[in-house]
Amino acid sequence: MRTRICLHLLSLFPFLFSVCSLAEQDVVITLEQGKIQGMREPVPGGYEVEIFLGIPYARAPVGELRFADPQPPLEWTGIRDAKSYRAVCPQAPFLPNFQPLTENDTISEDCLFLNVYRPTKFNHKLPVMVWIHGGGYYHATANWFDGSVLASHNNVIVVTINYRLALLGFLHIPGTQLRGNYGMLDQVQALKWVQQNIASFGGNPSHVTLFGESSGAASVTLHILSPLSAGLFQTAIIESGSAVSPFGAYSPRASNHYDVFIERLGCFDKENLLNCLREKPFEDFERAVGGVDPRMPGPMFPVPTVDKVFLPDEPEALLLAGRFNKIESVIIGFNKDEGTFLYSSAEPVTYAPPSIGAFHKAVHEVTLTQNGDDCELLKQAAIHRYTNHSDPSNPWNLWENWKNLMGDTFFFAPVTRTANSLAKAGISTYMYLFTHRSTFSMFPPETGVCHFVEVQYVFGSPWKPNPKIGLTSGYTEVERGLSSFLMKLWTDFAKNRDPNETVTWPLYSAERQKYLEIDLVTRVRRMPHADRVAFWNKFVPKLKQYCQGRGETPL
């Protein structure tokens, strides 16, 4: 009877969420598809959170729905248990130094689930933060990112989503029915689910912030560019990635691998390709991806592509032309030593500097990715720019130059181009550079403040250690404070469209390029890595035109 009264009250007074939740030992929510039962847990710091795990936002993409647009979930009867994580999407082998899947992770194509975290006590509609995980579009899961601390400490609702990965999420072959972008369409479906259902949790569907890191950040950028995502979110946080990063979306180099994938899968008849692929067990797709060398830039497997539906044109062209959704505001940035991730993650035991041969090979791969063909002039210009000419064979000079080359091409240059386009379009843009190296880091000192390390602070790991994204222990009290500060910046932005409640953070412009350096002490600075970024964003485009026979030599 008490449950029935609560449900009736909720239909009349949508702000009584915490009252009805506290009236029962378990937390029951009514969605469009049926009822779910979550749980309440204490959170370090004297908070409580209500958690709802494994909620289906789409039907299982199996059978005829494999390599098809996601479909809305079916209704269910009774109360669905939402107290445990559900399956992880099939994926490719991951980098050795980062958290792999464990025997406790169930892998299944029936994986289109999301998780919701909310504070227990509130009396108004809450802002919503939807997290898109990274992992290169081929690995990871929403289940690694516990939103308990972020939600409870800061009075927001956090949603984390799974989406199809690797070949099952992004395989596209020109001239066939395989259009690709299935993982991106999953994300759109999840955002639609949020619009339809988040009010049942006390969330405000008109106050949604989309945030993500690495390929998750590239995904966020793609949603800014996609007409299918218009109106589904109002603000965005883009951490260490962009749709115009080499890994962000389709490049000509990626097409070289499709024949390899199809050959490994044994589906040679193009006219019967889709039926053949739908008959294969998902394990075949995991094996078909094979190993990936993370030191070599450019997609080694399918990534989002121009399909004229989700993505109407190349991301670079859309950004330059201002053809994107005019959301209200954006936080965008990167970490101090982004490039070390790509080398250190490939070397599980040693962190020896690269040889001259390996460095030149990396330059070749970078310039190939940038240009789509082998431009010797571009390659020689990059070698010249990233060589310490006083001692070119010194191992640590090679390491520093390799780190800068990768960091600049993958992150600093493309993220800066993205910020410039967004700011020029009138979107309130705030740039940051995260520079804090944890006292007890999982990486050796040579890696500095590498890719991904800010995520543990964004999700409050110093308060509630999460080995999936950070350390199990070893954070200092000062780092706990840094985590609280970073969470407050992100959630102030989600609440107010502006992060300036407790810090002075000036708007970014393409001309001034002011950014906030985030460490134990914050500083406002200008033009991160200006000379190196200018090489890629101003000089290299001229070289590319010359290599393609469309311009005068810039030298």
Protein backbone atom coordinates (compact mmCIF):
# COMPACT_ATOMS: atom_id res chain seq x y z
CA MET A 1 0.00 0.00 0.00
CA ARG A 2 2.85 2.39 0.87
CA THR A 3 4.45 1.83 -2.54
CA ARG A 4 1.12 2.52 -4.27
CA ILE A 5 0.69 5.78 -2.34
CA CYS A 6 4.23 6.85 -3.22
CA LEU A 7 3.74 6.16 -6.90
CA HIS A 8 0.50 8.16 -6.84
CA LEU A 9 2.23 11.07 -5.09
CA LEU A 10 5.06 10.99 -7.62
CA SER A 11 2.58 11.34 -10.45
CA LEU A 12 1.12 14.44 -8.78
CA PHE A 13 4.21 16.04 -7.20
CA PRO A 14 7.39 15.26 -9.15
CA PHE A 15 9.68 16.82 -6.54
CA LEU A 16 8.93 14.27 -3.77
CA PHE A 17 11.50 11.74 -5.01
CA SER A 18 13.61 11.45 -1.86
CA VAL A 19 10.57 11.23 0.44
CA CYS A 20 9.15 8.24 -1.42
CA SER A 21 12.54 6.62 -1.77
CA LEU A 22 13.21 6.80 1.95
CA ALA A 23 9.81 5.27 2.73
CA GLU A 24 11.00 1.92 1.38
CA GLN A 25 14.07 -0.21 2.03
CA ASP A 26 14.66 -0.47 -1.73
CA VAL A 27 14.25 2.33 -4.23
CA VAL A 28 11.60 1.78 -6.90
CA ILE A 29 11.28 4.00 -9.98
CA THR A 30 8.60 3.82 -12.66
CA LEU A 31 9.88 4.29 -16.21
CA GLU A 32 8.02 4.28 -19.51
CA GLN A 33 8.92 0.61 -19.98
CA GLY A 34 8.20 -0.58 -16.43
CA LYS A 35 9.40 -0.42 -12.83
CA ILE A 36 12.99 -0.83 -11.66
CA GLN A 37 14.37 -1.40 -8.18
CA GLY A 38 17.70 0.16 -7.27
CA MET A 39 19.60 0.48 -4.01
CA ARG A 40 20.84 3.08 -1.57
CA GLU A 41 24.47 3.13 -0.45
CA PRO A 42 26.60 5.31 1.83
CA VAL A 43 29.35 7.35 0.18
CA PRO A 44 32.55 8.47 1.95
CA GLY A 45 32.26 12.03 3.19
CA GLY A 46 28.91 11.56 4.90
CA TYR A 47 26.75 11.27 1.79
CA GLU A 48 24.31 8.75 0.38
CA VAL A 49 23.57 7.80 -3.20
CA GLU A 50 20.80 5.89 -4.95
CA ILE A 51 22.05 3.61 -7.71
CA PHE A 52 20.19 2.01 -10.60
CA LEU A 53 22.32 -0.35 -12.66
CA GLY A 54 21.83 -2.24 -15.90
CA ILE A 55 18.80 -0.37 -17.24
CA PRO A 56 18.08 -1.30 -20.87
CA TYR A 57 17.83 1.72 -23.15
CA ALA A 58 17.53 -0.33 -26.36
CA ARG A 59 16.76 -3.87 -27.43
CA ALA A 60 19.58 -6.38 -27.65
CA PRO A 61 21.36 -5.80 -31.01
CA VAL A 62 21.33 -9.47 -32.00
CA GLY A 63 20.01 -11.40 -34.99
CA GLU A 64 18.42 -9.00 -37.45
CA LEU A 65 19.36 -6.09 -35.16
CA ARG A 66 23.10 -6.76 -35.47
CA PHE A 67 24.48 -4.03 -37.78
CA ALA A 68 21.15 -2.19 -37.55
CA ASP A 69 19.93 0.99 -35.88
CA PRO A 70 19.12 0.54 -32.17
CA GLN A 71 15.47 -0.01 -31.32
CA PRO A 72 13.67 1.25 -28.19
CA PRO A 73 13.54 -1.24 -25.32
CA LEU A 74 10.54 -3.50 -24.82
CA GLU A 75 8.26 -3.07 -21.84
CA TRP A 76 8.43 -5.50 -18.94
CA THR A 77 6.06 -6.58 -16.20
CA GLY A 78 6.77 -6.65 -12.51
CA ILE A 79 9.76 -4.89 -10.95
CA ARG A 80 13.08 -5.25 -12.76
CA ASP A 81 16.16 -5.64 -10.57
CA ALA A 82 18.62 -2.78 -11.07
CA LYS A 83 21.15 -3.58 -8.35
CA SER A 84 23.98 -5.06 -10.41
CA TYR A 85 25.92 -4.21 -13.53
CA ARG A 86 24.94 -5.99 -16.71
CA ALA A 87 26.99 -7.28 -19.62
CA VAL A 88 29.96 -5.58 -21.23
CA CYS A 89 29.83 -5.14 -25.02
CA PRO A 90 32.10 -7.39 -27.13
CA GLN A 91 35.40 -5.66 -27.72
CA ALA A 92 38.97 -5.92 -28.90
CA PRO A 93 42.09 -6.76 -26.86
CA PHE A 94 43.19 -3.79 -24.80
CA LEU A 95 46.47 -2.09 -23.93
CA PRO A 96 48.55 -4.06 -21.39
CA ASN A 97 49.03 -1.29 -18.83
CA PHE A 98 45.36 -0.42 -18.45
CA GLN A 99 42.56 -2.19 -16.67
CA PRO A 100 41.57 -5.25 -18.71
CA LEU A 101 38.28 -7.06 -18.44
CA THR A 102 38.23 -9.65 -15.68
CA GLU A 103 36.57 -13.02 -15.29
CA ASN A 104 33.77 -11.22 -13.43
CA ASP A 105 32.85 -9.23 -16.55
CA THR A 106 30.14 -10.91 -18.61
CA ILE A 107 30.57 -10.21 -22.33
CA SER A 108 27.45 -10.27 -24.47
CA GLU A 109 25.90 -8.48 -27.44
CA ASP A 110 22.93 -7.87 -25.15
CA CYS A 111 24.84 -4.96 -23.62
CA LEU A 112 22.91 -1.76 -24.35
CA PHE A 113 22.44 -0.76 -20.73
CA LEU A 114 23.00 2.39 -18.74
CA ASN A 115 23.54 3.18 -15.07
CA VAL A 116 22.01 6.06 -13.09
CA TYR A 117 23.38 7.61 -9.87
CA ARG A 118 21.46 10.25 -7.91
CA PRO A 119 21.67 11.89 -4.48
CA THR A 120 19.12 10.75 -1.92
CA LYS A 121 17.82 14.15 -0.85
CA PHE A 122 16.79 16.98 -3.15
CA ASN A 123 13.79 19.24 -3.61
CA HIS A 124 14.18 20.45 -7.19
CA LYS A 125 14.91 19.04 -10.61
CA LEU A 126 18.56 18.07 -10.85
CA PRO A 127 20.99 18.72 -13.69
CA VAL A 128 22.01 15.57 -15.55
CA MET A 129 25.53 14.54 -16.61
CA VAL A 130 25.78 11.77 -19.21
CA TRP A 131 29.21 10.09 -19.42
CA ILE A 132 30.51 8.51 -22.64
CA HIS A 133 33.51 6.31 -21.89
CA GLY A 134 36.65 6.23 -24.02
CA GLY A 135 38.71 3.25 -25.07
CA GLY A 136 39.32 3.98 -28.75
CA TYR A 137 35.81 2.89 -29.78
CA TYR A 138 36.95 -0.69 -29.27
CA HIS A 139 37.26 -1.26 -25.52
CA ALA A 140 35.96 -0.39 -22.03
CA THR A 141 32.52 -0.17 -20.43
CA ALA A 142 30.29 2.22 -18.51
CA ASN A 143 30.55 -0.18 -15.57
CA TRP A 144 34.07 1.02 -14.75
CA PHE A 145 32.89 4.54 -13.96
CA ASP A 146 31.18 4.69 -10.58
CA GLY A 147 29.20 7.93 -10.46
CA SER A 148 28.40 7.68 -6.74
CA VAL A 149 30.78 10.35 -5.47
CA LEU A 150 30.22 12.79 -8.32
CA ALA A 151 26.44 12.56 -7.91
CA SER A 152 26.14 12.56 -4.12
CA HIS A 153 28.80 15.15 -3.28
CA ASN A 154 27.55 17.61 -5.88
CA ASN A 155 23.78 17.12 -6.14
CA VAL A 156 23.62 16.04 -9.78
CA ILE A 157 22.40 12.94 -11.59
CA VAL A 158 25.12 10.95 -13.36
CA VAL A 159 24.31 8.56 -16.21
CA THR A 160 26.93 6.21 -17.71
CA ILE A 161 26.20 4.33 -20.93
CA ASN A 162 27.42 1.26 -22.80
CA TYR A 163 27.47 1.28 -26.60
CA ARG A 164 28.51 -1.15 -29.31
CA LEU A 165 32.27 -1.24 -29.87
CA ALA A 166 34.90 -2.31 -32.39
CA LEU A 167 33.64 -4.18 -35.46
CA LEU A 168 30.12 -4.69 -34.12
CA GLY A 169 29.82 -0.98 -33.40
CA PHE A 170 31.62 0.68 -36.28
CA LEU A 171 32.28 -1.66 -39.22
CA HIS A 172 31.40 0.16 -42.43
CA ILE A 173 32.15 -1.04 -45.95
CA PRO A 174 31.41 1.22 -48.93
CA GLY A 175 28.98 -0.25 -51.43
CA THR A 176 27.30 -2.52 -48.89
CA GLN A 177 24.52 -2.25 -46.30
CA LEU A 178 27.13 -1.78 -43.59
CA ARG A 179 26.82 1.97 -42.98
CA GLY A 180 28.74 1.97 -39.70
CA ASN A 181 28.19 4.35 -36.78
CA TYR A 182 26.06 1.79 -34.90
CA GLY A 183 27.83 2.68 -31.66
CA MET A 184 27.13 6.36 -32.25
CA LEU A 185 23.47 5.63 -32.93
CA ASP A 186 23.40 3.70 -29.65
CA GLN A 187 24.61 6.84 -27.90
CA VAL A 188 21.85 8.87 -29.58
CA GLN A 189 19.29 6.30 -28.42
CA ALA A 190 20.65 6.56 -24.86
CA LEU A 191 20.29 10.35 -24.98
CA LYS A 192 16.71 9.93 -26.18
CA TRP A 193 16.10 7.55 -23.27
CA VAL A 194 17.39 10.26 -20.92
CA GLN A 195 14.96 12.78 -22.42
CA GLN A 196 12.06 10.36 -21.95
CA ASN A 197 12.88 8.94 -18.52
CA ILE A 198 15.26 11.07 -16.47
CA ALA A 199 12.43 13.11 -14.94
CA SER A 200 11.36 9.91 -13.17
CA PHE A 201 14.67 10.10 -11.25
CA GLY A 202 14.25 13.79 -10.46
CA GLY A 203 16.39 14.95 -13.36
CA ASN A 204 15.82 17.91 -15.64
CA PRO A 205 15.78 16.79 -19.31
CA SER A 206 16.38 20.41 -20.34
CA HIS A 207 19.60 20.55 -18.31
CA VAL A 208 21.78 17.78 -19.75
CA THR A 209 25.58 17.92 -19.96
CA LEU A 210 27.32 15.40 -22.19
CA PHE A 211 30.87 14.60 -21.07
CA GLY A 212 33.53 12.12 -22.11
CA GLU A 213 37.24 11.43 -22.37
CA SER A 214 39.48 10.34 -25.28
CA SER A 215 37.24 8.61 -27.85
CA GLY A 216 34.42 9.52 -25.46
CA ALA A 217 35.43 13.16 -25.95
CA ALA A 218 35.52 12.58 -29.71
CA SER A 219 32.01 11.14 -29.38
CA VAL A 220 30.85 14.25 -27.53
CA THR A 221 32.25 16.38 -30.36
CA LEU A 222 30.49 14.21 -32.93
CA HIS A 223 27.18 14.76 -31.14
CA ILE A 224 27.77 18.50 -31.39
CA LEU A 225 28.22 17.96 -35.14
CA SER A 226 25.35 15.51 -35.68
CA PRO A 227 21.84 16.66 -36.63
CA LEU A 228 20.49 13.53 -34.93
CA SER A 229 21.71 14.80 -31.55
CA ALA A 230 20.23 18.29 -31.79
CA GLY A 231 18.28 19.23 -28.67
CA LEU A 232 19.35 16.16 -26.68
CA PHE A 233 21.88 18.06 -24.53
CA GLN A 234 22.68 21.69 -23.78
CA THR A 235 26.32 21.72 -22.61
CA ALA A 236 29.39 19.55 -23.12
CA ILE A 237 32.70 18.69 -21.45
CA ILE A 238 35.36 17.42 -23.86
CA GLU A 239 38.34 15.80 -22.12
CA SER A 240 41.45 14.90 -24.15
CA GLY A 241 40.05 14.23 -27.58
CA SER A 242 38.05 15.51 -30.52
CA ALA A 243 36.31 14.28 -33.62
CA VAL A 244 39.23 15.79 -35.58
CA SER A 245 41.84 13.83 -33.61
CA PRO A 246 43.46 11.04 -35.68
CA PHE A 247 41.45 8.49 -33.68
CA GLY A 248 38.25 10.53 -33.67
CA ALA A 249 36.58 9.64 -36.94
CA TYR A 250 37.17 7.98 -40.29
CA SER A 251 40.35 8.73 -42.21
CA PRO A 252 41.42 7.35 -45.61
CA ARG A 253 43.97 5.14 -43.88
CA ALA A 254 41.27 3.17 -42.07
CA SER A 255 39.84 1.72 -45.27
CA ASN A 256 42.99 -0.34 -45.74
CA HIS A 257 41.88 -2.70 -42.98
CA TYR A 258 38.37 -3.67 -44.08
CA ASP A 259 39.48 -6.42 -46.42
CA VAL A 260 41.57 -7.85 -43.60
CA PHE A 261 38.56 -7.93 -41.25
CA ILE A 262 36.30 -9.56 -43.84
CA GLU A 263 38.96 -12.11 -44.72
CA ARG A 264 39.40 -13.02 -41.05
CA LEU A 265 35.62 -13.41 -40.71
CA GLY A 266 35.36 -15.55 -43.85
CA CYS A 267 32.61 -13.50 -45.52
CA PHE A 268 33.73 -12.95 -49.12
CA ASP A 269 30.44 -12.58 -51.03
CA LYS A 270 29.48 -8.89 -50.96
CA GLU A 271 25.88 -9.59 -51.96
CA ASN A 272 25.46 -11.94 -48.99
CA LEU A 273 27.84 -10.08 -46.69
CA LEU A 274 25.31 -8.88 -44.11
CA ASN A 275 23.66 -12.29 -43.71
CA CYS A 276 27.06 -13.94 -43.39
CA LEU A 277 28.19 -11.49 -40.71
CA ARG A 278 24.93 -11.88 -38.76
CA GLU A 279 25.46 -15.64 -38.56
CA LYS A 280 28.91 -15.38 -36.94
CA PRO A 281 29.31 -15.70 -33.16
CA PHE A 282 30.41 -12.43 -31.59
CA GLU A 283 33.69 -14.03 -30.49
CA ASP A 284 34.72 -14.16 -34.16
CA PHE A 285 34.48 -10.37 -34.33
CA GLU A 286 36.67 -9.99 -31.24
CA ARG A 287 39.33 -12.22 -32.78
CA ALA A 288 39.09 -10.55 -36.20
CA VAL A 289 40.24 -7.20 -34.84
CA GLY A 290 43.55 -8.71 -33.76
CA GLY A 291 46.24 -6.77 -31.98
CA VAL A 292 46.62 -3.02 -32.17
CA ASP A 293 49.91 -1.16 -31.86
CA PRO A 294 48.95 1.90 -29.78
CA ARG A 295 52.22 3.66 -30.66
CA MET A 296 51.08 4.00 -34.26
CA PRO A 297 48.51 6.75 -34.84
CA GLY A 298 45.42 6.44 -36.96
CA PRO A 299 42.53 4.00 -36.61
CA MET A 300 43.56 0.36 -36.93
CA PHE A 301 39.90 -0.66 -36.78
CA PRO A 302 36.58 0.97 -37.71
CA VAL A 303 35.68 4.28 -36.11
CA PRO A 304 32.82 6.73 -36.77
CA THR A 305 32.41 7.66 -40.41
CA VAL A 306 30.56 10.06 -42.71
CA ASP A 307 27.27 8.27 -43.39
CA LYS A 308 25.19 11.35 -44.38
CA VAL A 309 22.75 10.47 -41.59
CA PHE A 310 24.49 10.70 -38.22
CA LEU A 311 27.48 12.52 -39.67
CA PRO A 312 26.74 14.58 -42.80
CA ASP A 313 30.34 15.51 -43.68
CA GLU A 314 33.94 15.24 -42.48
CA PRO A 315 34.23 16.64 -38.92
CA GLU A 316 36.94 19.10 -39.95
CA ALA A 317 34.72 20.51 -42.71
CA LEU A 318 31.72 20.82 -40.39
CA LEU A 319 33.75 22.64 -37.74
CA LEU A 320 35.35 25.03 -40.21
CA ALA A 321 31.97 25.86 -41.77
CA GLY A 322 30.20 26.26 -38.42
CA ARG A 323 27.72 23.54 -39.37
CA PHE A 324 26.96 22.12 -35.95
CA ASN A 325 24.47 22.27 -33.10
CA LYS A 326 24.79 25.58 -31.28
CA ILE A 327 24.79 24.31 -27.72
CA GLU A 328 25.14 26.80 -24.88
CA SER A 329 28.63 26.22 -23.52
CA VAL A 330 31.62 23.87 -23.55
CA ILE A 331 34.55 22.92 -21.34
CA ILE A 332 37.39 21.51 -23.44
CA GLY A 333 40.96 20.60 -22.59
CA PHE A 334 43.78 18.14 -22.17
CA ASN A 335 46.47 16.84 -19.84
CA LYS A 336 50.06 18.07 -19.75
CA ASP A 337 51.76 14.93 -21.15
CA GLU A 338 49.07 13.35 -23.32
CA GLY A 339 51.55 11.70 -25.70
CA THR A 340 53.23 9.48 -23.10
CA PHE A 341 50.11 7.32 -22.84
CA LEU A 342 50.63 6.00 -26.36
CA TYR A 343 54.17 4.83 -25.67
CA SER A 344 53.90 3.73 -22.06
CA SER A 345 50.73 1.75 -22.67
CA ALA A 346 52.58 -0.27 -25.29
CA GLU A 347 55.44 -1.17 -22.96
CA PRO A 348 54.15 -3.12 -19.94
CA VAL A 349 57.59 -3.62 -18.34
CA THR A 350 60.09 -1.03 -19.57
CA TYR A 351 59.71 2.60 -20.49
CA ALA A 352 62.87 2.85 -22.58
CA PRO A 353 63.02 5.76 -25.01
CA PRO A 354 62.37 4.98 -28.67
CA SER A 355 65.18 4.42 -31.13
CA ILE A 356 65.78 6.83 -34.02
CA GLY A 357 64.23 4.22 -36.33
CA ALA A 358 61.10 3.94 -34.18
CA PHE A 359 60.86 7.72 -33.97
CA HIS A 360 61.08 8.11 -37.76
CA LYS A 361 58.50 5.35 -38.22
CA ALA A 362 56.17 7.22 -35.88
CA VAL A 363 56.67 10.41 -37.89
CA HIS A 364 55.87 8.50 -41.08
CA GLU A 365 52.65 7.14 -39.56
CA VAL A 366 51.62 10.54 -38.22
CA THR A 367 52.15 12.30 -41.54
CA LEU A 368 50.38 9.49 -43.40
CA THR A 369 47.40 9.89 -41.09
CA GLN A 370 47.44 13.67 -41.50
CA ASN A 371 47.63 13.64 -45.28
CA GLY A 372 46.03 10.39 -46.44
CA ASP A 373 49.05 9.62 -48.61
CA ASP A 374 52.82 9.53 -48.30
CA CYS A 375 54.07 13.12 -48.51
CA GLU A 376 57.84 13.16 -48.13
CA LEU A 377 57.97 16.93 -47.63
CA LEU A 378 55.52 16.75 -44.74
CA LYS A 379 57.45 13.89 -43.16
CA GLN A 380 60.77 15.73 -43.38
CA ALA A 381 59.21 18.91 -41.98
CA ALA A 382 57.88 16.97 -38.97
CA ILE A 383 61.23 15.26 -38.38
CA HIS A 384 62.93 18.66 -38.48
CA ARG A 385 60.36 20.21 -36.10
CA TYR A 386 60.64 17.38 -33.57
CA THR A 387 64.42 16.89 -33.56
CA ASN A 388 66.74 18.30 -30.92
CA HIS A 389 69.46 19.34 -33.34
CA SER A 390 72.13 19.84 -30.67
CA ASP A 391 72.04 16.13 -29.80
CA PRO A 392 69.58 14.32 -32.12
CA SER A 393 70.44 10.75 -31.04
CA ASN A 394 70.25 11.35 -27.29
CA PRO A 395 67.69 8.80 -25.98
CA TRP A 396 65.91 11.22 -23.70
CA ASN A 397 65.74 13.86 -26.40
CA LEU A 398 64.12 11.22 -28.60
CA TRP A 399 61.68 10.41 -25.80
CA GLU A 400 60.75 14.06 -25.29
CA ASN A 401 60.30 14.65 -29.01
CA TRP A 402 58.31 11.43 -29.47
CA LYS A 403 56.06 12.42 -26.56
CA ASN A 404 55.50 15.89 -28.00
CA LEU A 405 54.87 14.56 -31.52
CA MET A 406 52.15 12.19 -30.33
CA GLY A 407 50.64 14.61 -27.86
CA ASP A 408 50.47 17.40 -30.40
CA THR A 409 48.99 15.39 -33.28
CA PHE A 410 46.52 13.37 -31.22
CA PHE A 411 45.42 16.00 -28.72
CA PHE A 412 46.81 19.53 -28.49
CA ALA A 413 46.46 20.57 -32.14
CA PRO A 414 43.04 18.98 -32.89
CA VAL A 415 41.52 19.99 -29.55
CA THR A 416 42.71 23.57 -30.09
CA ARG A 417 41.18 23.62 -33.58
CA THR A 418 37.92 22.36 -32.11
CA ALA A 419 37.93 25.01 -29.37
CA ASN A 420 38.63 27.73 -31.94
CA SER A 421 35.65 26.70 -34.08
CA LEU A 422 33.26 26.44 -31.14
CA ALA A 423 34.31 29.80 -29.72
CA LYS A 424 34.05 31.51 -33.13
CA ALA A 425 30.49 30.19 -33.42
CA GLY A 426 29.52 32.04 -30.24
CA ILE A 427 29.48 29.02 -27.92
CA SER A 428 30.81 29.96 -24.47
CA THR A 429 34.05 27.96 -24.37
CA TYR A 430 36.33 27.26 -21.40
CA MET A 431 39.71 25.58 -21.95
CA TYR A 432 41.79 23.78 -19.31
CA LEU A 433 45.17 22.08 -18.97
CA PHE A 434 45.40 19.46 -16.20
CA THR A 435 48.95 19.41 -14.79
CA HIS A 436 48.81 17.47 -11.51
CA ARG A 437 50.77 14.23 -11.24
CA SER A 438 49.42 12.00 -8.46
CA THR A 439 51.71 11.44 -5.50
CA PHE A 440 51.42 7.68 -6.00
CA SER A 441 50.91 7.13 -9.71
CA MET A 442 50.30 3.87 -11.54
CA PHE A 443 52.80 5.11 -14.16
CA PRO A 444 56.55 5.84 -13.82
CA PRO A 445 57.82 9.42 -13.53
CA GLU A 446 58.80 9.60 -17.21
CA THR A 447 55.14 9.54 -18.24
CA GLY A 448 54.37 12.79 -16.41
CA VAL A 449 50.69 13.78 -16.38
CA CYS A 450 49.52 11.40 -19.05
CA HIS A 451 46.29 10.70 -20.88
CA PHE A 452 43.27 9.63 -18.76
CA VAL A 453 44.72 10.51 -15.34
CA GLU A 454 42.27 13.37 -14.68
CA VAL A 455 39.31 10.96 -14.88
CA GLN A 456 40.01 9.51 -11.43
CA TYR A 457 39.65 13.02 -9.98
CA VAL A 458 36.50 13.79 -11.98
CA PHE A 459 34.81 10.67 -10.58
CA GLY A 460 36.02 11.14 -7.00
CA SER A 461 38.40 8.18 -6.74
CA PRO A 462 40.41 9.85 -3.94
CA TRP A 463 37.19 9.67 -1.91
CA LYS A 464 36.12 6.20 -3.02
CA PRO A 465 39.08 4.36 -4.62
CA ASN A 466 38.21 2.71 -7.91
CA PRO A 467 40.95 0.41 -9.30
CA LYS A 468 39.25 0.37 -12.70
CA ILE A 469 40.21 4.00 -13.31
CA GLY A 470 42.82 4.85 -10.67
CA LEU A 471 44.54 3.65 -7.52
CA THR A 472 43.18 1.40 -4.80
CA SER A 473 44.79 3.66 -2.18
CA GLY A 474 47.58 6.17 -1.76
CA TYR A 475 45.80 9.45 -2.44
CA THR A 476 46.76 12.30 -0.15
CA GLU A 477 44.34 14.60 1.64
CA VAL A 478 45.41 17.38 -0.70
CA GLU A 479 44.52 15.18 -3.69
CA ARG A 480 41.16 14.46 -2.13
CA GLY A 481 40.68 18.22 -2.06
CA LEU A 482 41.77 18.46 -5.71
CA SER A 483 39.16 15.86 -6.61
CA SER A 484 36.46 17.83 -4.77
CA PHE A 485 37.57 20.99 -6.57
CA LEU A 486 37.52 19.38 -10.02
CA MET A 487 34.14 17.74 -9.37
CA LYS A 488 32.77 21.12 -8.28
CA LEU A 489 34.11 22.82 -11.43
CA TRP A 490 32.46 20.21 -13.65
CA THR A 491 29.15 20.20 -11.75
CA ASP A 492 28.99 24.00 -11.37
CA PHE A 493 29.27 24.07 -15.15
CA ALA A 494 26.51 21.45 -15.46
CA LYS A 495 24.26 23.48 -13.15
CA ASN A 496 24.99 27.01 -14.35
CA ARG A 497 26.47 26.62 -17.87
CA ASP A 498 29.45 28.46 -16.35
CA PRO A 499 32.21 27.07 -14.06
CA ASN A 500 33.05 30.41 -12.42
CA GLU A 501 31.24 30.00 -9.09
CA THR A 502 34.43 29.27 -7.12
CA VAL A 503 37.22 30.11 -9.58
CA THR A 504 38.10 32.78 -12.12
CA TRP A 505 38.05 31.01 -15.48
CA PRO A 506 37.94 33.39 -18.46
CA LEU A 507 36.21 32.54 -21.70
CA TYR A 508 38.43 31.07 -24.39
CA SER A 509 38.77 32.83 -27.73
CA ALA A 510 40.69 31.84 -30.85
CA GLU A 511 42.65 35.09 -30.60
CA ARG A 512 43.60 35.15 -26.89
CA GLN A 513 43.44 31.41 -26.15
CA LYS A 514 43.20 31.80 -22.37
CA TYR A 515 42.98 28.58 -20.39
CA LEU A 516 42.88 27.43 -16.77
CA GLU A 517 45.81 25.37 -15.55
CA ILE A 518 44.37 22.90 -13.03
CA ASP A 519 46.72 21.67 -10.30
CA LEU A 520 46.90 22.04 -6.54
CA VAL A 521 47.03 25.75 -7.41
CA THR A 522 45.14 27.07 -10.45
CA ARG A 523 46.50 29.67 -12.86
CA VAL A 524 45.13 31.41 -15.94
CA ARG A 525 47.55 31.15 -18.86
CA ARG A 526 47.54 31.67 -22.63
CA MET A 527 48.18 29.54 -25.73
CA PRO A 528 49.17 26.04 -24.59
CA HIS A 529 52.17 24.73 -26.59
CA ALA A 530 51.66 27.59 -29.03
CA ASP A 531 54.63 26.96 -31.36
CA ARG A 532 54.02 23.24 -31.78
CA VAL A 533 50.27 23.67 -32.20
CA ALA A 534 50.85 26.38 -34.82
CA PHE A 535 53.04 23.95 -36.79
CA TRP A 536 50.13 21.50 -37.16
CA ASN A 537 47.25 23.96 -37.37
CA LYS A 538 48.79 26.65 -39.59
CA PHE A 539 51.88 25.34 -41.40
CA VAL A 540 50.91 21.71 -42.06
CA PRO A 541 47.67 22.61 -43.93
CA LYS A 542 49.81 24.57 -46.40
CA LEU A 543 52.14 21.60 -46.78
CA LYS A 544 49.18 19.31 -47.38
CA GLN A 545 47.88 21.56 -50.14
CA TYR A 546 51.30 21.58 -51.75
CA CYS A 547 51.62 17.78 -51.51
CA GLN A 548 48.22 17.40 -53.15
CA GLY A 549 49.23 19.75 -55.96
CA ARG A 550 46.89 22.54 -54.90
CA GLY A 551 49.25 25.16 -53.54
CA GLU A 552 52.60 26.90 -53.70
CA THR A 553 55.49 25.62 -51.62
CA PRO A 554 55.24 27.23 -48.16
CA LEU A 555 58.98 26.97 -47.58
